[in-house]
Amino acid sequence: MENLALRQQLTVLKRQRRRPSLGIVDKIFWVVARRVWSGWKHSLIIVTPETVVRWHRAGFRWYWRLISKARARVGRMPTSQAVRDLIFRMVAENPTWGASRIHGELLMLGFDLCERTISRWMKRAPRDPEPAKRWLAFLRNHREAIAAMDFFKVPTISFGVPYCFFVISHGRRRILHFNVTKHPTSLWVVQQLRESFPFELAPRFLIFDRDAKYGREVPVAVRSLKMSPVRTSFESPWQNAVAERWVESCRRDLLDHVIAVNERHLKRLLSEYVRYYHGDRTHLGLRKGTPDYRTRSTASGRVLSQDRLGGLHHRYHRAA
């Protein structure tokens, strides 16, 4: 009866103050009681047992956080910036050296590092830009001997899909030839190549993909024109990047803003765009020049503009 009376009084107190405040001593008491008394849940009415469990976990985290701060630092010592720079320097100056050789040199200089650490930092060494520059210079010196060809499709107003064929030179990014057809065949492509390279003016290499439209006749015709056919890998448009870039420019500058009526209309639009592309449009790959060597204006008059492609683009020049 005494326990029942005490519980009734605690119930009254709980109704008067629903959330009694408990201090740190009260929390420690119930955490300890949970560890040494199996029937602690039956006598607990101020808070729920889950609250006591949460207090215990918070104390556990606080305890281990405290002793972790008190202990000495463990683990690998960080590699200083000076040592990292020295590793990068040795990698750049000695491309054939491995981690073992660089480790030996650092030991001779009084740096106490393990070979595995050196190997890890060697992977993060900045790449030498010189090989890339030499390769870029090689491509620039040989781009006059490279051309590329490709197809792309353009929908018309009657939902037809004619094919646009073009040949582009890597040297000045000039469009050597283009044509439009609804039914491209290998023999049709052969005739276009003959019109693209008259009088034995063909480059040394011709890049094109593995489209079935080329068949077996096109590679034979390319060799007969004293060119070496270079076929790209399957589904690898980046290997014919110059041609793909021209298709992207043509769509962005013209085809995304017009609707071709038929093949004849599309061919006229492409003719105007090729003239604009050669004579007016500046190119990042040509150091902001044009394929037809557009000259800079030296006049000091006011700036005038001329419409290009029906007003989609303009050419600016100074009045004399």
C-alpha atoms as a PDB file:
ATOM      1  CA  MET A   1       0.000   0.000   0.000  1.00  0.00           C
ATOM      2  CA  GLU A   2       2.888   2.355   0.725  1.00  0.00           C
ATOM      3  CA  ASN A   3       4.263   1.929  -2.813  1.00  0.00           C
ATOM      4  CA  LEU A   4       0.776   2.472  -4.223  1.00  0.00           C
ATOM      5  CA  ALA A   5       0.391   5.684  -2.198  1.00  0.00           C
ATOM      6  CA  LEU A   6       3.749   6.970  -3.362  1.00  0.00           C
ATOM      7  CA  ARG A   7       2.904   6.237  -6.996  1.00  0.00           C
ATOM      8  CA  GLN A   8      -0.449   8.034  -6.638  1.00  0.00           C
ATOM      9  CA  GLN A   9       1.274  11.142  -5.278  1.00  0.00           C
ATOM     10  CA  LEU A  10       3.852  11.040  -8.102  1.00  0.00           C
ATOM     11  CA  THR A  11       1.027  10.832 -10.595  1.00  0.00           C
ATOM     12  CA  VAL A  12      -0.526  13.975  -9.101  1.00  0.00           C
ATOM     13  CA  LEU A  13       2.805  15.774  -9.312  1.00  0.00           C
ATOM     14  CA  LYS A  14       3.221  14.672 -12.910  1.00  0.00           C
ATOM     15  CA  ARG A  15      -0.175  16.139 -13.804  1.00  0.00           C
ATOM     16  CA  GLN A  16       0.776  19.464 -12.251  1.00  0.00           C
ATOM     17  CA  ARG A  17       4.189  19.584 -14.019  1.00  0.00           C
ATOM     18  CA  ARG A  18       4.279  17.482 -17.111  1.00  0.00           C
ATOM     19  CA  ARG A  19       8.008  17.923 -17.880  1.00  0.00           C
ATOM     20  CA  PRO A  20      10.046  17.887 -14.658  1.00  0.00           C
ATOM     21  CA  SER A  21      13.584  19.193 -15.041  1.00  0.00           C
ATOM     22  CA  LEU A  22      16.318  16.652 -14.283  1.00  0.00           C
ATOM     23  CA  GLY A  23      19.882  17.635 -13.514  1.00  0.00           C
ATOM     24  CA  ILE A  24      23.069  15.840 -14.418  1.00  0.00           C
ATOM     25  CA  VAL A  25      23.078  13.987 -11.068  1.00  0.00           C
ATOM     26  CA  ASP A  26      19.581  12.638 -11.737  1.00  0.00           C
ATOM     27  CA  LYS A  27      20.617  11.422 -15.168  1.00  0.00           C
ATOM     28  CA  ILE A  28      23.734   9.718 -13.796  1.00  0.00           C
ATOM     29  CA  PHE A  29      21.629   8.014 -11.105  1.00  0.00           C
ATOM     30  CA  TRP A  30      19.293   6.431 -13.634  1.00  0.00           C
ATOM     31  CA  VAL A  31      22.129   5.453 -15.966  1.00  0.00           C
ATOM     32  CA  VAL A  32      23.871   3.661 -13.110  1.00  0.00           C
ATOM     33  CA  ALA A  33      20.570   2.115 -11.993  1.00  0.00           C
ATOM     34  CA  ARG A  34      20.067   0.747 -15.473  1.00  0.00           C
ATOM     35  CA  ARG A  35      23.404  -1.054 -15.261  1.00  0.00           C
ATOM     36  CA  VAL A  36      22.997  -2.563 -11.712  1.00  0.00           C
ATOM     37  CA  TRP A  37      19.230  -3.028 -11.263  1.00  0.00           C
ATOM     38  CA  SER A  38      17.253  -5.331 -13.526  1.00  0.00           C
ATOM     39  CA  GLY A  39      13.859  -3.969 -12.484  1.00  0.00           C
ATOM     40  CA  TRP A  40      14.611  -0.298 -13.067  1.00  0.00           C
ATOM     41  CA  LYS A  41      11.986   0.051 -15.819  1.00  0.00           C
ATOM     42  CA  HIS A  42       9.099  -0.867 -13.491  1.00  0.00           C
ATOM     43  CA  SER A  43       9.858   1.976 -11.037  1.00  0.00           C
ATOM     44  CA  LEU A  44      10.514   4.643 -13.670  1.00  0.00           C
ATOM     45  CA  ILE A  45       7.615   7.046 -14.245  1.00  0.00           C
ATOM     46  CA  ILE A  46       9.239  10.498 -14.547  1.00  0.00           C
ATOM     47  CA  VAL A  47      10.731   9.765 -17.982  1.00  0.00           C
ATOM     48  CA  THR A  48      10.515   6.873 -20.414  1.00  0.00           C
ATOM     49  CA  PRO A  49      13.109   4.074 -20.511  1.00  0.00           C
ATOM     50  CA  GLU A  50      14.091   5.180 -24.012  1.00  0.00           C
ATOM     51  CA  THR A  51      15.168   8.538 -22.570  1.00  0.00           C
ATOM     52  CA  VAL A  52      17.519   6.813 -20.117  1.00  0.00           C
ATOM     53  CA  VAL A  53      18.996   4.766 -22.962  1.00  0.00           C
ATOM     54  CA  ARG A  54      19.564   7.975 -24.900  1.00  0.00           C
ATOM     55  CA  TRP A  55      21.337   9.505 -21.887  1.00  0.00           C
ATOM     56  CA  HIS A  56      23.572   6.452 -21.661  1.00  0.00           C
ATOM     57  CA  ARG A  57      24.545   6.697 -25.334  1.00  0.00           C
ATOM     58  CA  ALA A  58      25.260  10.418 -25.015  1.00  0.00           C
ATOM     59  CA  GLY A  59      27.497   9.689 -22.044  1.00  0.00           C
ATOM     60  CA  PHE A  60      29.265   6.976 -24.015  1.00  0.00           C
ATOM     61  CA  ARG A  61      30.026   9.392 -26.832  1.00  0.00           C
ATOM     62  CA  TRP A  62      31.198  12.096 -24.429  1.00  0.00           C
ATOM     63  CA  TYR A  63      33.473   9.632 -22.606  1.00  0.00           C
ATOM     64  CA  TRP A  64      35.269   8.414 -25.710  1.00  0.00           C
ATOM     65  CA  ARG A  65      35.508  11.907 -27.136  1.00  0.00           C
ATOM     66  CA  LEU A  66      37.200  13.030 -23.942  1.00  0.00           C
ATOM     67  CA  ILE A  67      39.801  10.244 -23.824  1.00  0.00           C
ATOM     68  CA  SER A  68      40.457  10.582 -27.578  1.00  0.00           C
ATOM     69  CA  LYS A  69      41.440  14.214 -27.084  1.00  0.00           C
ATOM     70  CA  ALA A  70      43.653  13.361 -24.169  1.00  0.00           C
ATOM     71  CA  ARG A  71      45.709  10.794 -26.062  1.00  0.00           C
ATOM     72  CA  ALA A  72      48.611  11.615 -28.347  1.00  0.00           C
ATOM     73  CA  ARG A  73      48.012  11.902 -32.083  1.00  0.00           C
ATOM     74  CA  VAL A  74      48.225   8.630 -33.962  1.00  0.00           C
ATOM     75  CA  GLY A  75      48.432   7.735 -37.644  1.00  0.00           C
ATOM     76  CA  ARG A  76      50.698   8.931 -40.432  1.00  0.00           C
ATOM     77  CA  MET A  77      52.511  12.202 -40.068  1.00  0.00           C
ATOM     78  CA  PRO A  78      51.411  14.617 -42.798  1.00  0.00           C
ATOM     79  CA  THR A  79      53.869  15.172 -45.635  1.00  0.00           C
ATOM     80  CA  SER A  80      55.066  18.762 -45.628  1.00  0.00           C
ATOM     81  CA  GLN A  81      54.560  21.040 -48.606  1.00  0.00           C
ATOM     82  CA  ALA A  82      58.311  21.342 -49.120  1.00  0.00           C
ATOM     83  CA  VAL A  83      58.724  17.568 -49.408  1.00  0.00           C
ATOM     84  CA  ARG A  84      55.762  17.304 -51.793  1.00  0.00           C
ATOM     85  CA  ASP A  85      57.218  20.013 -54.009  1.00  0.00           C
ATOM     86  CA  LEU A  86      60.559  18.210 -54.000  1.00  0.00           C
ATOM     87  CA  ILE A  87      58.884  14.949 -55.054  1.00  0.00           C
ATOM     88  CA  PHE A  88      57.053  16.753 -57.868  1.00  0.00           C
ATOM     89  CA  ARG A  89      60.312  18.366 -58.968  1.00  0.00           C
ATOM     90  CA  MET A  90      62.132  15.023 -59.103  1.00  0.00           C
ATOM     91  CA  VAL A  91      59.273  13.485 -61.091  1.00  0.00           C
ATOM     92  CA  ALA A  92      59.358  16.337 -63.633  1.00  0.00           C
ATOM     93  CA  GLU A  93      63.150  16.378 -63.969  1.00  0.00           C
ATOM     94  CA  ASN A  94      63.542  12.587 -64.093  1.00  0.00           C
ATOM     95  CA  PRO A  95      60.630  11.035 -66.017  1.00  0.00           C
ATOM     96  CA  THR A  96      62.179   7.541 -65.893  1.00  0.00           C
ATOM     97  CA  TRP A  97      62.606   7.444 -62.119  1.00  0.00           C
ATOM     98  CA  GLY A  98      60.307   5.322 -60.017  1.00  0.00           C
ATOM     99  CA  ALA A  99      59.326   5.583 -56.371  1.00  0.00           C
ATOM    100  CA  SER A 100      62.311   3.499 -55.241  1.00  0.00           C
ATOM    101  CA  ARG A 101      64.838   5.808 -56.920  1.00  0.00           C
ATOM    102  CA  ILE A 102      63.206   8.969 -55.584  1.00  0.00           C
ATOM    103  CA  HIS A 103      62.996   7.370 -52.120  1.00  0.00           C
ATOM    104  CA  GLY A 104      66.743   6.755 -52.176  1.00  0.00           C
ATOM    105  CA  GLU A 105      67.477  10.361 -53.128  1.00  0.00           C
ATOM    106  CA  LEU A 106      65.244  11.676 -50.344  1.00  0.00           C
ATOM    107  CA  LEU A 107      66.952   9.434 -47.793  1.00  0.00           C
ATOM    108  CA  MET A 108      70.291  10.872 -48.905  1.00  0.00           C
ATOM    109  CA  LEU A 109      68.883  14.348 -48.302  1.00  0.00           C
ATOM    110  CA  GLY A 110      67.777  13.438 -44.769  1.00  0.00           C
ATOM    111  CA  PHE A 111      64.021  13.034 -45.369  1.00  0.00           C
ATOM    112  CA  ASP A 112      62.541  10.056 -43.522  1.00  0.00           C
ATOM    113  CA  LEU A 113      59.591   8.915 -45.651  1.00  0.00           C
ATOM    114  CA  CYS A 114      58.383   5.494 -46.622  1.00  0.00           C
ATOM    115  CA  GLU A 115      58.451   4.455 -50.264  1.00  0.00           C
ATOM    116  CA  ARG A 116      54.675   3.944 -50.326  1.00  0.00           C
ATOM    117  CA  THR A 117      54.112   7.591 -49.411  1.00  0.00           C
ATOM    118  CA  ILE A 118      56.357   8.693 -52.262  1.00  0.00           C
ATOM    119  CA  SER A 119      54.490   6.435 -54.684  1.00  0.00           C
ATOM    120  CA  ARG A 120      51.176   7.947 -53.600  1.00  0.00           C
ATOM    121  CA  TRP A 121      52.390  11.519 -54.138  1.00  0.00           C
ATOM    122  CA  MET A 122      53.977  10.650 -57.486  1.00  0.00           C
ATOM    123  CA  LYS A 123      50.489   9.865 -58.827  1.00  0.00           C
ATOM    124  CA  ARG A 124      49.402  13.400 -57.910  1.00  0.00           C
ATOM    125  CA  ALA A 125      52.362  15.109 -59.555  1.00  0.00           C
ATOM    126  CA  PRO A 126      51.286  17.706 -62.154  1.00  0.00           C
ATOM    127  CA  ARG A 127      51.726  16.491 -65.687  1.00  0.00           C
ATOM    128  CA  ASP A 128      54.452  17.969 -67.815  1.00  0.00           C
ATOM    129  CA  PRO A 129      52.736  20.148 -70.448  1.00  0.00           C
ATOM    130  CA  GLU A 130      55.644  19.875 -72.886  1.00  0.00           C
ATOM    131  CA  PRO A 131      54.646  16.495 -74.439  1.00  0.00           C
ATOM    132  CA  ALA A 132      51.136  17.836 -75.094  1.00  0.00           C
ATOM    133  CA  LYS A 133      52.589  20.964 -76.676  1.00  0.00           C
ATOM    134  CA  ARG A 134      54.873  18.903 -78.886  1.00  0.00           C
ATOM    135  CA  TRP A 135      51.964  16.723 -80.009  1.00  0.00           C
ATOM    136  CA  LEU A 136      49.854  19.808 -80.730  1.00  0.00           C
ATOM    137  CA  ALA A 137      52.686  21.277 -82.781  1.00  0.00           C
ATOM    138  CA  PHE A 138      52.970  17.985 -84.688  1.00  0.00           C
ATOM    139  CA  LEU A 139      49.259  18.064 -85.549  1.00  0.00           C
ATOM    140  CA  ARG A 140      49.422  21.706 -86.629  1.00  0.00           C
ATOM    141  CA  ASN A 141      52.365  20.992 -88.910  1.00  0.00           C
ATOM    142  CA  HIS A 142      50.522  18.092 -90.580  1.00  0.00           C
ATOM    143  CA  ARG A 143      46.938  19.325 -90.621  1.00  0.00           C
ATOM    144  CA  GLU A 144      47.270  20.554 -94.209  1.00  0.00           C
ATOM    145  CA  ALA A 145      47.549  16.900 -95.256  1.00  0.00           C
ATOM    146  CA  ILE A 146      44.303  15.844 -93.508  1.00  0.00           C
ATOM    147  CA  ALA A 147      40.687  16.105 -94.607  1.00  0.00           C
ATOM    148  CA  ALA A 148      37.468  14.602 -93.264  1.00  0.00           C
ATOM    149  CA  MET A 149      33.992  13.814 -94.552  1.00  0.00           C
ATOM    150  CA  ASP A 150      30.683  13.053 -92.905  1.00  0.00           C
ATOM    151  CA  PHE A 151      26.895  13.034 -93.255  1.00  0.00           C
ATOM    152  CA  PHE A 152      24.204  14.719 -91.184  1.00  0.00           C
ATOM    153  CA  LYS A 153      20.421  14.805 -91.538  1.00  0.00           C
ATOM    154  CA  VAL A 154      18.079  17.808 -91.691  1.00  0.00           C
ATOM    155  CA  PRO A 155      14.256  17.447 -91.459  1.00  0.00           C
ATOM    156  CA  THR A 156      12.176  19.380 -93.989  1.00  0.00           C
ATOM    157  CA  ILE A 157       8.744  20.977 -93.722  1.00  0.00           C
ATOM    158  CA  SER A 158       7.141  17.894 -95.325  1.00  0.00           C
ATOM    159  CA  PHE A 159       8.814  15.603 -92.742  1.00  0.00           C
ATOM    160  CA  GLY A 160      11.382  14.373 -95.219  1.00  0.00           C
ATOM    161  CA  VAL A 161      14.942  13.720 -94.049  1.00  0.00           C
ATOM    162  CA  PRO A 162      17.548  14.603 -96.713  1.00  0.00           C
ATOM    163  CA  TYR A 163      21.216  13.867 -96.073  1.00  0.00           C
ATOM    164  CA  CYS A 164      23.875  16.574 -96.170  1.00  0.00           C
ATOM    165  CA  PHE A 165      27.324  15.404 -97.252  1.00  0.00           C
ATOM    166  CA  PHE A 166      30.433  17.534 -96.837  1.00  0.00           C
ATOM    167  CA  VAL A 167      34.223  17.348 -96.984  1.00  0.00           C
ATOM    168  CA  ILE A 168      36.254  19.642 -94.718  1.00  0.00           C
ATOM    169  CA  SER A 169      39.975  20.393 -94.695  1.00  0.00           C
ATOM    170  CA  HIS A 170      41.780  20.356 -91.355  1.00  0.00           C
ATOM    171  CA  GLY A 171      44.199  23.072 -92.455  1.00  0.00           C
ATOM    172  CA  ARG A 172      42.020  26.197 -92.622  1.00  0.00           C
ATOM    173  CA  ARG A 173      38.729  24.414 -91.783  1.00  0.00           C
ATOM    174  CA  ARG A 174      37.501  25.080 -95.321  1.00  0.00           C
ATOM    175  CA  ILE A 175      34.500  23.230 -96.721  1.00  0.00           C
ATOM    176  CA  LEU A 176      35.925  21.672 -99.873  1.00  0.00           C
ATOM    177  CA  HIS A 177      32.625  20.300-101.120  1.00  0.00           C
ATOM    178  CA  PHE A 178      29.039  19.683-100.004  1.00  0.00           C
ATOM    179  CA  ASN A 179      25.853  18.322-101.503  1.00  0.00           C
ATOM    180  CA  VAL A 180      22.357  17.207-100.496  1.00  0.00           C
ATOM    181  CA  THR A 181      20.468  14.019-101.407  1.00  0.00           C
ATOM    182  CA  LYS A 182      17.605  11.907-100.149  1.00  0.00           C
ATOM    183  CA  HIS A 183      19.155   8.591-101.154  1.00  0.00           C
ATOM    184  CA  PRO A 184      22.910   8.483-100.505  1.00  0.00           C
ATOM    185  CA  THR A 185      24.728   5.499-101.968  1.00  0.00           C
ATOM    186  CA  SER A 186      28.350   4.499-102.119  1.00  0.00           C
ATOM    187  CA  LEU A 187      28.568   5.363-105.840  1.00  0.00           C
ATOM    188  CA  TRP A 188      27.076   8.792-105.149  1.00  0.00           C
ATOM    189  CA  VAL A 189      29.716   9.387-102.447  1.00  0.00           C
ATOM    190  CA  VAL A 190      32.467   8.343-104.879  1.00  0.00           C
ATOM    191  CA  GLN A 191      31.282  10.979-107.360  1.00  0.00           C
ATOM    192  CA  GLN A 192      31.278  13.620-104.608  1.00  0.00           C
ATOM    193  CA  LEU A 193      34.882  12.746-103.728  1.00  0.00           C
ATOM    194  CA  ARG A 194      35.924  13.191-107.352  1.00  0.00           C
ATOM    195  CA  GLU A 195      34.348  16.641-107.351  1.00  0.00           C
ATOM    196  CA  SER A 196      36.002  17.475-104.018  1.00  0.00           C
ATOM    197  CA  PHE A 197      39.569  16.705-105.130  1.00  0.00           C
ATOM    198  CA  PRO A 198      40.068  17.622-108.806  1.00  0.00           C
ATOM    199  CA  PHE A 199      43.448  17.858-110.529  1.00  0.00           C
ATOM    200  CA  GLU A 200      45.199  15.582-108.010  1.00  0.00           C
ATOM    201  CA  LEU A 201      44.783  18.077-105.168  1.00  0.00           C
ATOM    202  CA  ALA A 202      43.787  15.429-102.647  1.00  0.00           C
ATOM    203  CA  PRO A 203      45.373  15.464 -99.169  1.00  0.00           C
ATOM    204  CA  ARG A 204      47.285  12.522 -97.833  1.00  0.00           C
ATOM    205  CA  PHE A 205      44.699  11.301 -95.308  1.00  0.00           C
ATOM    206  CA  LEU A 206      40.884  11.261 -95.340  1.00  0.00           C
ATOM    207  CA  ILE A 207      39.015  10.616 -92.082  1.00  0.00           C
ATOM    208  CA  PHE A 208      35.501   9.138 -92.123  1.00  0.00           C
ATOM    209  CA  ASP A 209      33.402   6.838 -89.987  1.00  0.00           C
ATOM    210  CA  ARG A 210      32.144   3.301 -90.565  1.00  0.00           C
ATOM    211  CA  ASP A 211      28.732   4.235 -91.926  1.00  0.00           C
ATOM    212  CA  ALA A 212      27.193   1.500 -94.067  1.00  0.00           C
ATOM    213  CA  LYS A 213      26.479   4.088 -96.792  1.00  0.00           C
ATOM    214  CA  TYR A 214      30.162   4.077 -97.751  1.00  0.00           C
ATOM    215  CA  GLY A 215      30.162   0.361 -98.553  1.00  0.00           C
ATOM    216  CA  ARG A 216      33.280  -1.142-100.072  1.00  0.00           C
ATOM    217  CA  GLU A 217      33.462   1.225-103.012  1.00  0.00           C
ATOM    218  CA  VAL A 218      34.335   4.375-101.062  1.00  0.00           C
ATOM    219  CA  PRO A 219      37.597   3.096 -99.456  1.00  0.00           C
ATOM    220  CA  VAL A 220      38.694   1.823-102.886  1.00  0.00           C
ATOM    221  CA  ALA A 221      37.914   5.196-104.463  1.00  0.00           C
ATOM    222  CA  VAL A 222      39.800   7.002-101.686  1.00  0.00           C
ATOM    223  CA  ARG A 223      42.909   4.934-102.417  1.00  0.00           C
ATOM    224  CA  SER A 224      42.525   5.523-106.145  1.00  0.00           C
ATOM    225  CA  LEU A 225      42.708   9.277-105.416  1.00  0.00           C
ATOM    226  CA  LYS A 226      46.091   8.637-103.708  1.00  0.00           C
ATOM    227  CA  MET A 227      44.713   9.172-100.216  1.00  0.00           C
ATOM    228  CA  SER A 228      44.961   6.917 -97.174  1.00  0.00           C
ATOM    229  CA  PRO A 229      41.516   6.178 -95.665  1.00  0.00           C
ATOM    230  CA  VAL A 230      41.392   6.543 -91.891  1.00  0.00           C
ATOM    231  CA  ARG A 231      38.261   4.900 -90.440  1.00  0.00           C
ATOM    232  CA  THR A 232      37.133   5.938 -86.962  1.00  0.00           C
ATOM    233  CA  SER A 233      36.037   3.415 -84.342  1.00  0.00           C
ATOM    234  CA  PHE A 234      32.398   2.490 -83.920  1.00  0.00           C
ATOM    235  CA  GLU A 235      30.329   5.091 -82.034  1.00  0.00           C
ATOM    236  CA  SER A 236      33.357   7.373 -81.624  1.00  0.00           C
ATOM    237  CA  PRO A 237      32.436  10.752 -83.160  1.00  0.00           C
ATOM    238  CA  TRP A 238      35.182  12.468 -81.166  1.00  0.00           C
ATOM    239  CA  GLN A 239      37.727  10.793 -83.477  1.00  0.00           C
ATOM    240  CA  ASN A 240      36.376  12.953 -86.308  1.00  0.00           C
ATOM    241  CA  ALA A 241      36.182  16.062 -84.168  1.00  0.00           C
ATOM    242  CA  VAL A 242      36.736  18.717 -86.869  1.00  0.00           C
ATOM    243  CA  ALA A 243      33.833  17.440 -88.973  1.00  0.00           C
ATOM    244  CA  GLU A 244      31.567  17.024 -85.942  1.00  0.00           C
ATOM    245  CA  ARG A 245      32.416  20.547 -84.801  1.00  0.00           C
ATOM    246  CA  TRP A 246      31.378  21.945 -88.187  1.00  0.00           C
ATOM    247  CA  VAL A 247      28.040  20.112 -88.001  1.00  0.00           C
ATOM    248  CA  GLU A 248      27.461  21.586 -84.546  1.00  0.00           C
ATOM    249  CA  SER A 249      28.321  25.105 -85.785  1.00  0.00           C
ATOM    250  CA  CYS A 250      26.050  24.736 -88.822  1.00  0.00           C
ATOM    251  CA  ARG A 251      23.125  23.643 -86.673  1.00  0.00           C
ATOM    252  CA  ARG A 252      23.669  26.318 -84.035  1.00  0.00           C
ATOM    253  CA  ASP A 253      24.250  29.159 -86.504  1.00  0.00           C
ATOM    254  CA  LEU A 254      21.632  28.283 -89.138  1.00  0.00           C
ATOM    255  CA  LEU A 255      19.640  25.054 -89.125  1.00  0.00           C
ATOM    256  CA  ASP A 256      18.196  25.481 -85.623  1.00  0.00           C
ATOM    257  CA  HIS A 257      16.582  28.758 -86.774  1.00  0.00           C
ATOM    258  CA  VAL A 258      15.096  27.801 -90.164  1.00  0.00           C
ATOM    259  CA  ILE A 259      12.847  25.122 -91.680  1.00  0.00           C
ATOM    260  CA  ALA A 260      14.040  23.714 -94.986  1.00  0.00           C
ATOM    261  CA  VAL A 261      11.283  23.397 -97.584  1.00  0.00           C
ATOM    262  CA  ASN A 262      12.995  20.824 -99.796  1.00  0.00           C
ATOM    263  CA  GLU A 263      16.411  19.693-101.001  1.00  0.00           C
ATOM    264  CA  ARG A 264      16.855  22.698-103.267  1.00  0.00           C
ATOM    265  CA  HIS A 265      16.043  25.139-100.472  1.00  0.00           C
ATOM    266  CA  LEU A 266      18.367  23.315 -98.068  1.00  0.00           C
ATOM    267  CA  LYS A 267      21.209  23.402-100.578  1.00  0.00           C
ATOM    268  CA  ARG A 268      20.761  27.169-101.073  1.00  0.00           C
ATOM    269  CA  LEU A 269      20.806  27.707 -97.295  1.00  0.00           C
ATOM    270  CA  LEU A 270      23.986  25.677 -96.949  1.00  0.00           C
ATOM    271  CA  SER A 271      25.614  27.598 -99.809  1.00  0.00           C
ATOM    272  CA  GLU A 272      24.952  30.882 -98.016  1.00  0.00           C
ATOM    273  CA  TYR A 273      26.225  29.461 -94.742  1.00  0.00           C
ATOM    274  CA  VAL A 274      29.447  28.182 -96.338  1.00  0.00           C
ATOM    275  CA  ARG A 275      30.127  31.652 -97.764  1.00  0.00           C
ATOM    276  CA  TYR A 276      29.494  33.183 -94.335  1.00  0.00           C
ATOM    277  CA  TYR A 277      31.610  30.476 -92.674  1.00  0.00           C
ATOM    278  CA  HIS A 278      34.562  31.060 -94.997  1.00  0.00           C
ATOM    279  CA  GLY A 279      34.553  34.829 -95.224  1.00  0.00           C
ATOM    280  CA  ASP A 280      32.944  36.295 -92.099  1.00  0.00           C
ATOM    281  CA  ARG A 281      32.776  33.904 -89.154  1.00  0.00           C
ATOM    282  CA  THR A 282      35.831  33.950 -86.876  1.00  0.00           C
ATOM    283  CA  HIS A 283      37.177  30.642 -85.569  1.00  0.00           C
ATOM    284  CA  LEU A 284      38.803  29.853 -82.257  1.00  0.00           C
ATOM    285  CA  GLY A 285      40.923  27.130 -83.906  1.00  0.00           C
ATOM    286  CA  LEU A 286      42.296  29.725 -86.359  1.00  0.00           C
ATOM    287  CA  ARG A 287      43.190  32.221 -83.614  1.00  0.00           C
ATOM    288  CA  LYS A 288      40.028  34.245 -84.300  1.00  0.00           C
ATOM    289  CA  GLY A 289      40.709  34.309 -88.027  1.00  0.00           C
ATOM    290  CA  THR A 290      38.610  33.037 -90.939  1.00  0.00           C
ATOM    291  CA  PRO A 291      39.335  30.342 -93.541  1.00  0.00           C
ATOM    292  CA  ASP A 292      39.528  33.005 -96.267  1.00  0.00           C
ATOM    293  CA  TYR A 293      41.953  35.197 -94.280  1.00  0.00           C
ATOM    294  CA  ARG A 294      39.639  38.088 -93.387  1.00  0.00           C
ATOM    295  CA  THR A 295      41.759  41.170 -92.772  1.00  0.00           C
ATOM    296  CA  ARG A 296      41.458  43.539 -89.858  1.00  0.00           C
ATOM    297  CA  SER A 297      40.042  46.965 -90.530  1.00  0.00           C
ATOM    298  CA  THR A 298      42.504  49.847 -90.281  1.00  0.00           C
ATOM    299  CA  ALA A 299      39.979  52.605 -90.927  1.00  0.00           C
ATOM    300  CA  SER A 300      38.769  54.880 -88.155  1.00  0.00           C
ATOM    301  CA  GLY A 301      35.262  55.613 -89.414  1.00  0.00           C
ATOM    302  CA  ARG A 302      32.006  54.612 -87.832  1.00  0.00           C
ATOM    303  CA  VAL A 303      31.071  50.950 -87.514  1.00  0.00           C
ATOM    304  CA  LEU A 304      28.693  49.598 -90.161  1.00  0.00           C
ATOM    305  CA  SER A 305      26.928  46.240 -90.272  1.00  0.00           C
ATOM    306  CA  GLN A 306      25.856  43.964 -93.108  1.00  0.00           C
ATOM    307  CA  ASP A 307      23.216  41.253 -92.824  1.00  0.00           C
ATOM    308  CA  ARG A 308      24.285  37.649 -93.214  1.00  0.00           C
ATOM    309  CA  LEU A 309      22.003  34.605 -93.512  1.00  0.00           C
ATOM    310  CA  GLY A 310      18.867  36.733 -93.723  1.00  0.00           C
ATOM    311  CA  GLY A 311      19.707  38.729 -90.611  1.00  0.00           C
ATOM    312  CA  LEU A 312      20.616  35.804 -88.343  1.00  0.00           C
ATOM    313  CA  HIS A 313      24.182  37.108 -88.250  1.00  0.00           C
ATOM    314  CA  HIS A 314      26.001  40.282 -89.231  1.00  0.00           C
ATOM    315  CA  ARG A 315      29.423  41.367 -90.438  1.00  0.00           C
ATOM    316  CA  TYR A 316      30.860  44.576 -89.062  1.00  0.00           C
ATOM    317  CA  HIS A 317      33.355  46.894 -90.688  1.00  0.00           C
ATOM    318  CA  ARG A 318      34.443  50.496 -90.437  1.00  0.00           C
ATOM    319  CA  ALA A 319      33.498  53.102 -93.012  1.00  0.00           C
ATOM    320  CA  ALA A 320      36.419  54.484 -94.993  1.00  0.00           C
END
